Each structure stands twice: as C-alpha cells, then as structure tokens.
C-alpha cells in the first residue's frame, strides 16, 4: 500500500484567511502618467490613468461615452473649480497625480428681470 504524500503546507484548516488589499497603480520612474478620479453627482467615480502630455479630449470623450453623455452638455472642472478645456493637457490644466475632476451638467442662459420690465 502506497504511503500518503507529505504535507504540502497548504492545508485549508491551518491556513490563515486570505486578505485582499486594494492595488494602486505604481507611477512610472519618469512620471509620464498620472492617476485622476472623475467624480459626478449622477454616476460613480471613475479612475483614469492618463499621460501628462495627452490632451484631455480623450479623457472627456471616454467618460462621456461610458456614461452616455453628450460632451456638449457637461463641464469638467479641476480641484480648484476652474473649467478644463479639451485642448489642454494634464500639465497645462495643473492636474496632479491623485487629483480630482468634477463633472457638472452645463447650465446656459437664465432669466433676470430688469427694472424696466417689471410692471407695477
């Protein structure tokens, strides 16, 4: 009768519970890439890894495509509340690694009655 195989050290009864840790993307040595989180009131936060010298147009188009939004109907703002332009790069916009971009629905127009239009 053959002898049982030696213990491998992988017994489930003696093993500690497996712990999963969130993985953060590691920056490259030369810092060509940054990670930015795009937040919105209408959807979940989305993490993007972008090149510092790439136009923000790509990020904006990907975000709008993923969430079925018309790019003309939303505005992207940086951490300081300044509007981001599609032609800007991350460096030109002042985005830093781990930064946030807020997405808001565009609001144009409005009405403010003038003094001459009020009838008494």
Protein backbone atom coordinates (compact mmCIF):
# COMPACT_ATOMS: atom_id res chain seq x y z
CA UNK A 1 0.00 0.00 0.00
CA UNK A 2 1.48 3.40 -1.01
CA UNK A 3 2.23 5.90 1.71
CA UNK A 4 0.33 9.23 1.75
CA UNK A 5 2.10 12.23 0.21
CA UNK A 6 3.99 14.50 2.60
CA UNK A 7 2.05 17.55 3.83
CA UNK A 8 2.40 20.49 1.47
CA UNK A 9 1.73 23.21 3.99
CA UNK A 10 -1.42 24.25 2.13
CA UNK A 11 -3.98 22.68 4.43
CA UNK A 12 -7.11 24.81 4.48
CA UNK A 13 -7.69 24.13 8.16
CA UNK A 14 -4.33 25.57 9.22
CA UNK A 15 -4.18 28.40 6.65
CA UNK A 16 -4.80 31.98 7.68
CA UNK A 17 -7.67 33.77 5.95
CA UNK A 18 -6.64 35.34 2.68
CA UNK A 19 -6.58 39.13 2.83
CA UNK A 20 -7.12 41.16 -0.32
CA UNK A 21 -5.59 44.61 -0.44
CA UNK A 22 -6.55 47.28 -2.97
CA UNK A 23 -3.94 47.70 -5.64
CA UNK A 24 -2.79 51.19 -6.52
CA UNK A 25 -1.18 51.73 -9.90
CA UNK A 26 2.51 52.40 -9.44
CA UNK A 27 3.84 55.58 -11.02
CA UNK A 28 6.47 55.14 -13.68
CA UNK A 29 10.03 56.15 -12.91
CA UNK A 30 9.89 59.16 -15.22
CA UNK A 31 6.39 60.22 -14.14
CA UNK A 32 4.83 60.22 -17.62
CA UNK A 33 1.46 59.09 -16.25
CA UNK A 34 -0.87 60.41 -13.58
CA UNK A 35 -3.99 58.96 -12.00
CA UNK A 36 -7.05 61.20 -11.81
CA UNK A 37 -10.51 60.44 -10.49
CA UNK A 38 -13.53 61.82 -12.33
CA UNK A 39 -16.46 62.43 -9.98
CA UNK A 40 -20.06 63.27 -10.72
CA UNK A 41 -23.37 63.57 -8.92
CA UNK A 42 -25.05 61.30 -11.45
CA UNK A 43 -22.65 58.33 -11.57
CA UNK A 44 -19.89 56.53 -9.70
CA UNK A 45 -16.32 57.80 -9.54
CA UNK A 46 -14.07 56.63 -12.37
CA UNK A 47 -10.27 56.37 -12.12
CA UNK A 48 -8.30 57.28 -15.24
CA UNK A 49 -4.59 56.80 -15.85
CA UNK A 50 -3.51 59.38 -18.39
CA UNK A 51 -0.31 60.73 -19.89
CA UNK A 52 0.70 64.15 -18.65
CA UNK A 53 1.14 65.42 -22.21
CA UNK A 54 -2.07 63.89 -23.67
CA UNK A 55 -4.99 66.17 -24.47
CA UNK A 56 -7.90 65.98 -22.02
CA UNK A 57 -10.22 65.50 -25.00
CA UNK A 58 -9.58 61.73 -24.84
CA UNK A 59 -10.50 61.51 -21.16
CA UNK A 60 -13.62 63.62 -21.68
CA UNK A 61 -14.75 61.57 -24.68
CA UNK A 62 -14.17 58.27 -22.86
CA UNK A 63 -16.07 59.44 -19.78
CA UNK A 64 -19.00 60.77 -21.81
CA UNK A 65 -19.11 57.63 -23.95
CA UNK A 66 -19.08 55.34 -20.92
CA UNK A 67 -21.94 57.24 -19.28
CA UNK A 68 -23.90 58.04 -22.48
CA UNK A 69 -23.50 61.79 -22.03
CA UNK A 70 -23.36 64.46 -24.71
CA UNK A 71 -19.93 66.11 -24.33
CA UNK A 72 -21.55 69.48 -25.09
CA UNK A 73 -23.94 69.03 -22.16
CA UNK A 74 -21.32 68.63 -19.41
CA UNK A 75 -18.47 70.69 -18.00
CA UNK A 76 -15.28 69.36 -16.45
CA UNK A 77 -13.68 71.25 -13.54
CA UNK A 78 -10.36 70.72 -11.77
CA UNK A 79 -9.74 70.63 -7.99
CA UNK A 80 -9.77 74.43 -7.85
CA UNK A 81 -13.13 74.75 -9.64
CA UNK A 82 -11.65 76.02 -12.90
CA UNK A 83 -13.09 74.80 -16.19
CA UNK A 84 -10.96 72.34 -18.12
CA UNK A 85 -10.67 72.69 -21.88
CA UNK A 86 -10.49 69.69 -24.18
CA UNK A 87 -7.38 71.07 -25.90
CA UNK A 88 -5.43 71.28 -22.62
CA UNK A 89 -3.01 68.64 -21.41
CA UNK A 90 -2.97 67.43 -17.81
CA UNK A 91 0.15 69.52 -17.16
CA UNK A 92 -1.38 72.65 -18.71
CA UNK A 93 -4.51 72.19 -16.59
CA UNK A 94 -2.45 71.80 -13.42
CA UNK A 95 -3.68 68.27 -12.70
CA UNK A 96 -1.58 66.31 -10.25
CA UNK A 97 -1.29 62.60 -9.56
CA UNK A 98 -4.29 61.57 -7.47
CA UNK A 99 -6.21 64.70 -8.46
CA UNK A 100 -9.95 65.06 -8.95
CA UNK A 101 -12.01 66.23 -11.90
CA UNK A 102 -15.64 67.17 -11.23
CA UNK A 103 -18.28 66.73 -13.93
CA UNK A 104 -21.32 69.01 -13.90
CA UNK A 105 -24.24 69.40 -16.26
CA UNK A 106 -23.79 72.55 -18.33
CA UNK A 107 -26.13 75.42 -17.50
CA UNK A 108 -26.50 78.16 -20.04
CA UNK A 109 -28.77 81.15 -20.01
CA UNK A 110 -31.15 82.12 -17.29
CA UNK A 111 -33.50 84.98 -16.69
CA UNK A 112 -33.08 88.04 -14.54
CA UNK A 113 -35.83 90.61 -14.95
CA UNK A 114 -34.61 94.13 -15.48
CA UNK A 115 -36.10 97.09 -13.64
CA UNK A 116 -37.78 98.36 -16.80
CA UNK A 117 -39.60 95.09 -17.44
CA UNK A 118 -41.33 94.99 -14.05
CA UNK A 119 -44.92 96.24 -14.28
CA UNK A 120 -46.45 97.74 -11.18
